[in-house]
């Protein structure tokens, strides 16, 4: 069985824990759509571990990058 997952990056603009207003939810949906279309949304366990190790060695950059740095081959 293959397990793939995704997450909202820490540097994504946080609108509050209970902000379910349509513009906020639409922005999050659009973000996920852009990442999915680019093949940069779902990651494997190995990719997540690699990303975690990189993050532990560096400072998070301030951007809205997708959860996966580049599309899977």
PDB file of N, CA and C in Angstrom:
ATOM      1  N   UNK A   1       0.842  -1.166   0.000  1.00  0.00           N
ATOM      2  CA  UNK A   1       0.000   0.000   0.000  1.00  0.00           C
ATOM      3  C   UNK A   1       0.894   1.238   0.000  1.00  0.00           C
ATOM      4  N   UNK A   2       0.530   2.218  -0.799  1.00  0.00           N
ATOM      5  CA  UNK A   2       1.227   3.505  -0.839  1.00  0.00           C
ATOM      6  C   UNK A   2       0.448   4.515  -0.019  1.00  0.00           C
ATOM      7  N   UNK A   3       1.167   5.302   0.742  1.00  0.00           N
ATOM      8  CA  UNK A   3       0.544   6.339   1.555  1.00  0.00           C
ATOM      9  C   UNK A   3       1.098   7.680   1.124  1.00  0.00           C
ATOM     10  N   UNK A   4       0.245   8.565   0.659  1.00  0.00           N
ATOM     11  CA  UNK A   4       0.628   9.921   0.282  1.00  0.00           C
ATOM     12  C   UNK A   4      -0.184  10.900   1.113  1.00  0.00           C
ATOM     13  N   UNK A   5       0.423  12.008   1.468  1.00  0.00           N
ATOM     14  CA  UNK A   5      -0.281  13.008   2.254  1.00  0.00           C
ATOM     15  C   UNK A   5       0.194  14.389   1.878  1.00  0.00           C
ATOM     16  N   UNK A   6      -0.456  15.378   2.424  1.00  0.00           N
ATOM     17  CA  UNK A   6      -0.103  16.766   2.184  1.00  0.00           C
ATOM     18  C   UNK A   6      -0.378  17.555   3.455  1.00  0.00           C
ATOM     19  N   UNK A   7      -0.065  18.821   3.424  1.00  0.00           N
ATOM     20  CA  UNK A   7      -0.291  19.692   4.577  1.00  0.00           C
ATOM     21  C   UNK A   7      -0.299  21.136   4.109  1.00  0.00           C
ATOM     22  N   UNK A   8      -0.752  21.997   4.955  1.00  0.00           N
ATOM     23  CA  UNK A   8      -0.672  23.434   4.678  1.00  0.00           C
ATOM     24  C   UNK A   8       0.630  23.913   5.312  1.00  0.00           C
ATOM     25  N   UNK A   9       1.572  24.419   4.518  1.00  0.00           N
ATOM     26  CA  UNK A   9       2.864  24.846   5.055  1.00  0.00           C
ATOM     27  C   UNK A   9       2.734  25.922   6.127  1.00  0.00           C
ATOM     28  N   UNK A  10       3.702  25.951   7.020  1.00  0.00           N
ATOM     29  CA  UNK A  10       3.694  26.930   8.109  1.00  0.00           C
ATOM     30  C   UNK A  10       3.715  28.365   7.600  1.00  0.00           C
ATOM     31  N   UNK A  11       4.293  28.583   6.425  1.00  0.00           N
ATOM     32  CA  UNK A  11       4.391  29.956   5.928  1.00  0.00           C
ATOM     33  C   UNK A  11       3.193  30.364   5.064  1.00  0.00           C
ATOM     34  N   UNK A  12       2.151  29.521   4.993  1.00  0.00           N
ATOM     35  CA  UNK A  12       0.921  29.920   4.308  1.00  0.00           C
ATOM     36  C   UNK A  12       0.214  30.951   5.189  1.00  0.00           C
ATOM     37  N   UNK A  13      -0.341  32.020   4.608  1.00  0.00           N
ATOM     38  CA  UNK A  13      -0.993  33.058   5.426  1.00  0.00           C
ATOM     39  C   UNK A  13      -2.092  32.484   6.320  1.00  0.00           C
ATOM     40  N   UNK A  14      -1.926  32.617   7.618  1.00  0.00           N
ATOM     41  CA  UNK A  14      -2.863  32.068   8.601  1.00  0.00           C
ATOM     42  C   UNK A  14      -3.974  33.077   8.859  1.00  0.00           C
ATOM     43  N   UNK A  15      -5.219  32.658   8.629  1.00  0.00           N
ATOM     44  CA  UNK A  15      -6.353  33.566   8.787  1.00  0.00           C
ATOM     45  C   UNK A  15      -7.109  33.330  10.094  1.00  0.00           C
ATOM     46  N   UNK A  16      -6.585  32.476  10.949  1.00  0.00           N
ATOM     47  CA  UNK A  16      -7.244  32.179  12.214  1.00  0.00           C
ATOM     48  C   UNK A  16      -7.856  30.788  12.194  1.00  0.00           C
ATOM     49  N   UNK A  17      -7.977  30.170  13.359  1.00  0.00           N
ATOM     50  CA  UNK A  17      -8.433  28.779  13.422  1.00  0.00           C
ATOM     51  C   UNK A  17      -9.894  28.576  13.033  1.00  0.00           C
ATOM     52  N   UNK A  18     -10.721  29.590  13.127  1.00  0.00           N
ATOM     53  CA  UNK A  18     -12.144  29.430  12.833  1.00  0.00           C
ATOM     54  C   UNK A  18     -12.638  30.374  11.745  1.00  0.00           C
ATOM     55  N   UNK A  19     -11.734  30.796  10.874  1.00  0.00           N
ATOM     56  CA  UNK A  19     -12.110  31.708   9.798  1.00  0.00           C
ATOM     57  C   UNK A  19     -12.518  30.886   8.574  1.00  0.00           C
ATOM     58  N   UNK A  20     -13.807  30.614   8.469  1.00  0.00           N
ATOM     59  CA  UNK A  20     -14.323  29.827   7.357  1.00  0.00           C
ATOM     60  C   UNK A  20     -15.072  30.696   6.346  1.00  0.00           C
ATOM     61  N   UNK A  21     -14.727  31.963   6.295  1.00  0.00           N
ATOM     62  CA  UNK A  21     -15.362  32.863   5.340  1.00  0.00           C
ATOM     63  C   UNK A  21     -14.977  32.440   3.924  1.00  0.00           C
ATOM     64  N   UNK A  22     -15.921  32.631   3.011  1.00  0.00           N
ATOM     65  CA  UNK A  22     -15.748  32.167   1.640  1.00  0.00           C
ATOM     66  C   UNK A  22     -14.440  32.635   0.985  1.00  0.00           C
ATOM     67  N   UNK A  23     -14.040  33.906   1.093  1.00  0.00           N
ATOM     68  CA  UNK A  23     -12.790  34.323   0.435  1.00  0.00           C
ATOM     69  C   UNK A  23     -11.556  33.602   0.983  1.00  0.00           C
ATOM     70  N   UNK A  24     -11.557  33.344   2.281  1.00  0.00           N
ATOM     71  CA  UNK A  24     -10.417  32.658   2.900  1.00  0.00           C
ATOM     72  C   UNK A  24     -10.369  31.207   2.432  1.00  0.00           C
ATOM     73  N   UNK A  25     -11.506  30.541   2.432  1.00  0.00           N
ATOM     74  CA  UNK A  25     -11.571  29.148   1.990  1.00  0.00           C
ATOM     75  C   UNK A  25     -11.285  29.031   0.501  1.00  0.00           C
ATOM     76  N   UNK A  26     -11.745  30.007  -0.296  1.00  0.00           N
ATOM     77  CA  UNK A  26     -11.478  29.980  -1.733  1.00  0.00           C
ATOM     78  C   UNK A  26      -9.987  30.125  -2.002  1.00  0.00           C
ATOM     79  N   UNK A  27      -9.320  30.999  -1.253  1.00  0.00           N
ATOM     80  CA  UNK A  27      -7.878  31.178  -1.425  1.00  0.00           C
ATOM     81  C   UNK A  27      -7.122  29.889  -1.106  1.00  0.00           C
ATOM     82  N   UNK A  28      -7.526  29.203  -0.041  1.00  0.00           N
ATOM     83  CA  UNK A  28      -6.882  27.939   0.329  1.00  0.00           C
ATOM     84  C   UNK A  28      -7.153  26.878  -0.737  1.00  0.00           C
ATOM     85  N   UNK A  29      -8.394  26.802  -1.233  1.00  0.00           N
ATOM     86  CA  UNK A  29      -8.728  25.854  -2.293  1.00  0.00           C
ATOM     87  C   UNK A  29      -7.904  26.147  -3.545  1.00  0.00           C
ATOM     88  N   UNK A  30      -7.810  27.420  -3.935  1.00  0.00           N
ATOM     89  CA  UNK A  30      -7.046  27.798  -5.124  1.00  0.00           C
ATOM     90  C   UNK A  30      -5.571  27.437  -4.969  1.00  0.00           C
ATOM     91  N   UNK A  31      -5.037  27.644  -3.772  1.00  0.00           N
ATOM     92  CA  UNK A  31      -3.646  27.274  -3.477  1.00  0.00           C
ATOM     93  C   UNK A  31      -3.454  25.769  -3.699  1.00  0.00           C
ATOM     94  N   UNK A  32      -4.335  24.962  -3.122  1.00  0.00           N
ATOM     95  CA  UNK A  32      -4.244  23.506  -3.282  1.00  0.00           C
ATOM     96  C   UNK A  32      -4.394  23.089  -4.737  1.00  0.00           C
ATOM     97  N   UNK A  33      -5.276  23.737  -5.454  1.00  0.00           N
ATOM     98  CA  UNK A  33      -5.480  23.430  -6.864  1.00  0.00           C
ATOM     99  C   UNK A  33      -4.212  23.710  -7.674  1.00  0.00           C
ATOM    100  N   UNK A  34      -3.598  24.881  -7.433  1.00  0.00           N
ATOM    101  CA  UNK A  34      -2.351  25.224  -8.145  1.00  0.00           C
ATOM    102  C   UNK A  34      -1.266  24.193  -7.864  1.00  0.00           C
ATOM    103  N   UNK A  35      -1.127  23.803  -6.611  1.00  0.00           N
ATOM    104  CA  UNK A  35      -0.101  22.823  -6.252  1.00  0.00           C
ATOM    105  C   UNK A  35      -0.401  21.465  -6.880  1.00  0.00           C
ATOM    106  N   UNK A  36      -1.664  21.053  -6.867  1.00  0.00           N
ATOM    107  CA  UNK A  36      -2.051  19.771  -7.454  1.00  0.00           C
ATOM    108  C   UNK A  36      -1.818  19.771  -8.962  1.00  0.00           C
ATOM    109  N   UNK A  37      -2.181  20.847  -9.632  1.00  0.00           N
ATOM    110  CA  UNK A  37      -1.981  20.930 -11.081  1.00  0.00           C
ATOM    111  C   UNK A  37      -0.500  20.857 -11.440  1.00  0.00           C
ATOM    112  N   UNK A  38       0.352  21.351 -10.554  1.00  0.00           N
ATOM    113  CA  UNK A  38       1.795  21.325 -10.796  1.00  0.00           C
ATOM    114  C   UNK A  38       2.424  20.008 -10.332  1.00  0.00           C
ATOM    115  N   UNK A  39       1.606  19.107  -9.770  1.00  0.00           N
ATOM    116  CA  UNK A  39       2.126  17.838  -9.275  1.00  0.00           C
ATOM    117  C   UNK A  39       2.941  17.991  -8.000  1.00  0.00           C
ATOM    118  N   UNK A  40       2.630  19.042  -7.227  1.00  0.00           N
ATOM    119  CA  UNK A  40       3.430  19.355  -6.044  1.00  0.00           C
ATOM    120  C   UNK A  40       2.592  19.376  -4.768  1.00  0.00           C
ATOM    121  N   UNK A  41       1.580  18.512  -4.678  1.00  0.00           N
ATOM    122  CA  UNK A  41       0.713  18.519  -3.504  1.00  0.00           C
ATOM    123  C   UNK A  41       0.917  17.291  -2.624  1.00  0.00           C
ATOM    124  N   UNK A  42       0.858  16.115  -3.211  1.00  0.00           N
ATOM    125  CA  UNK A  42       0.923  14.875  -2.439  1.00  0.00           C
ATOM    126  C   UNK A  42       2.350  14.379  -2.356  1.00  0.00           C
ATOM    127  N   UNK A  43       2.763  13.954  -1.164  1.00  0.00           N
ATOM    128  CA  UNK A  43       4.126  13.463  -0.983  1.00  0.00           C
ATOM    129  C   UNK A  43       4.124  12.116  -0.282  1.00  0.00           C
ATOM    130  N   UNK A  44       5.229  11.406  -0.471  1.00  0.00           N
ATOM    131  CA  UNK A  44       5.409  10.124   0.190  1.00  0.00           C
ATOM    132  C   UNK A  44       6.037  10.349   1.564  1.00  0.00           C
ATOM    133  N   UNK A  45       6.073   9.294   2.357  1.00  0.00           N
ATOM    134  CA  UNK A  45       6.711   9.368   3.673  1.00  0.00           C
ATOM    135  C   UNK A  45       8.181   9.765   3.520  1.00  0.00           C
ATOM    136  N   UNK A  46       8.857   9.165   2.549  1.00  0.00           N
ATOM    137  CA  UNK A  46      10.277   9.455   2.343  1.00  0.00           C
ATOM    138  C   UNK A  46      10.506  10.921   1.983  1.00  0.00           C
ATOM    139  N   UNK A  47       9.633  11.463   1.131  1.00  0.00           N
ATOM    140  CA  UNK A  47       9.756  12.876   0.763  1.00  0.00           C
ATOM    141  C   UNK A  47       9.516  13.771   1.977  1.00  0.00           C
ATOM    142  N   UNK A  48       8.576  13.391   2.831  1.00  0.00           N
ATOM    143  CA  UNK A  48       8.295  14.186   4.030  1.00  0.00           C
ATOM    144  C   UNK A  48       9.484  14.167   4.983  1.00  0.00           C
ATOM    145  N   UNK A  49      10.105  13.018   5.151  1.00  0.00           N
ATOM    146  CA  UNK A  49      11.283  12.924   6.023  1.00  0.00           C
ATOM    147  C   UNK A  49      12.407  13.778   5.470  1.00  0.00           C
ATOM    148  N   UNK A  50      12.631  13.694   4.158  1.00  0.00           N
ATOM    149  CA  UNK A  50      13.676  14.501   3.531  1.00  0.00           C
ATOM    150  C   UNK A  50      13.412  15.990   3.729  1.00  0.00           C
ATOM    151  N   UNK A  51      12.159  16.398   3.541  1.00  0.00           N
ATOM    152  CA  UNK A  51      11.808  17.811   3.728  1.00  0.00           C
ATOM    153  C   UNK A  51      11.990  18.236   5.178  1.00  0.00           C
ATOM    154  N   UNK A  52      11.632  17.369   6.102  1.00  0.00           N
ATOM    155  CA  UNK A  52      11.801  17.672   7.520  1.00  0.00           C
ATOM    156  C   UNK A  52      13.258  17.847   7.884  1.00  0.00           C
ATOM    157  N   UNK A  53      14.100  17.006   7.326  1.00  0.00           N
ATOM    158  CA  UNK A  53      15.536  17.125   7.587  1.00  0.00           C
ATOM    159  C   UNK A  53      16.087  18.432   7.025  1.00  0.00           C
ATOM    160  N   UNK A  54      15.644  18.799   5.827  1.00  0.00           N
ATOM    161  CA  UNK A  54      16.093  20.072   5.240  1.00  0.00           C
ATOM    162  C   UNK A  54      15.623  21.251   6.089  1.00  0.00           C
ATOM    163  N   UNK A  55      14.381  21.201   6.544  1.00  0.00           N
ATOM    164  CA  UNK A  55      13.843  22.294   7.361  1.00  0.00           C
ATOM    165  C   UNK A  55      14.591  22.413   8.679  1.00  0.00           C
ATOM    166  N   UNK A  56      14.989  21.288   9.229  1.00  0.00           N
ATOM    167  CA  UNK A  56      15.713  21.309  10.495  1.00  0.00           C
ATOM    168  C   UNK A  56      17.089  21.955  10.334  1.00  0.00           C
ATOM    169  N   UNK A  57      17.623  21.912   9.112  1.00  0.00           N
ATOM    170  CA  UNK A  57      18.948  22.483   8.862  1.00  0.00           C
ATOM    171  C   UNK A  57      18.898  23.923   8.361  1.00  0.00           C
ATOM    172  N   UNK A  58      17.746  24.423   8.054  1.00  0.00           N
ATOM    173  CA  UNK A  58      17.678  25.768   7.501  1.00  0.00           C
ATOM    174  C   UNK A  58      16.481  26.527   8.049  1.00  0.00           C
ATOM    175  N   UNK A  59      16.474  27.799   7.809  1.00  0.00           N
ATOM    176  CA  UNK A  59      15.379  28.659   8.241  1.00  0.00           C
ATOM    177  C   UNK A  59      14.290  28.608   7.184  1.00  0.00           C
ATOM    178  N   UNK A  60      13.031  28.578   7.622  1.00  0.00           N
ATOM    179  CA  UNK A  60      11.930  28.583   6.658  1.00  0.00           C
ATOM    180  C   UNK A  60      11.934  29.889   5.877  1.00  0.00           C
ATOM    181  N   UNK A  61      11.830  29.780   4.577  1.00  0.00           N
ATOM    182  CA  UNK A  61      11.757  30.986   3.762  1.00  0.00           C
ATOM    183  C   UNK A  61      10.320  31.492   3.740  1.00  0.00           C
ATOM    184  N   UNK A  62      10.146  32.760   3.569  1.00  0.00           N
ATOM    185  CA  UNK A  62       8.826  33.380   3.575  1.00  0.00           C
ATOM    186  C   UNK A  62       8.251  33.410   2.167  1.00  0.00           C
ATOM    187  N   UNK A  63       7.576  32.329   1.791  1.00  0.00           N
ATOM    188  CA  UNK A  63       6.911  32.268   0.495  1.00  0.00           C
ATOM    189  C   UNK A  63       5.729  31.324   0.617  1.00  0.00           C
ATOM    190  N   UNK A  64       4.960  31.210  -0.434  1.00  0.00           N
ATOM    191  CA  UNK A  64       3.807  30.313  -0.448  1.00  0.00           C
ATOM    192  C   UNK A  64       4.094  29.103  -1.308  1.00  0.00           C
ATOM    193  N   UNK A  65       5.255  28.483  -1.111  1.00  0.00           N
ATOM    194  CA  UNK A  65       5.610  27.307  -1.880  1.00  0.00           C
ATOM    195  C   UNK A  65       4.628  26.185  -1.590  1.00  0.00           C
ATOM    196  N   UNK A  66       4.490  25.297  -2.535  1.00  0.00           N
ATOM    197  CA  UNK A  66       3.657  24.119  -2.370  1.00  0.00           C
ATOM    198  C   UNK A  66       4.339  23.167  -1.400  1.00  0.00           C
ATOM    199  N   UNK A  67       3.589  22.235  -0.805  1.00  0.00           N
ATOM    200  CA  UNK A  67       4.202  21.298   0.119  1.00  0.00           C
ATOM    201  C   UNK A  67       5.354  20.497  -0.480  1.00  0.00           C
ATOM    202  N   UNK A  68       5.283  20.132  -1.747  1.00  0.00           N
ATOM    203  CA  UNK A  68       6.337  19.366  -2.401  1.00  0.00           C
ATOM    204  C   UNK A  68       7.131  20.310  -3.277  1.00  0.00           C
ATOM    205  N   UNK A  69       8.465  20.326  -3.126  1.00  0.00           N
ATOM    206  CA  UNK A  69       9.320  21.283  -3.820  1.00  0.00           C
ATOM    207  C   UNK A  69       9.251  21.187  -5.340  1.00  0.00           C
ATOM    208  N   UNK A  70       9.153  19.967  -5.857  1.00  0.00           N
ATOM    209  CA  UNK A  70       9.025  19.808  -7.304  1.00  0.00           C
ATOM    210  C   UNK A  70       8.154  18.602  -7.606  1.00  0.00           C
ATOM    211  N   UNK A  71       7.631  18.573  -8.801  1.00  0.00           N
ATOM    212  CA  UNK A  71       6.727  17.499  -9.190  1.00  0.00           C
ATOM    213  C   UNK A  71       7.478  16.166  -9.207  1.00  0.00           C
ATOM    214  N   UNK A  72       6.798  15.110  -8.826  1.00  0.00           N
ATOM    215  CA  UNK A  72       7.380  13.774  -8.856  1.00  0.00           C
ATOM    216  C   UNK A  72       7.580  13.335 -10.310  1.00  0.00           C
ATOM    217  N   UNK A  73       8.651  12.593 -10.571  1.00  0.00           N
ATOM    218  CA  UNK A  73       8.908  12.149 -11.962  1.00  0.00           C
ATOM    219  C   UNK A  73       7.856  11.186 -12.454  1.00  0.00           C
TER     220      UNK A  73
END
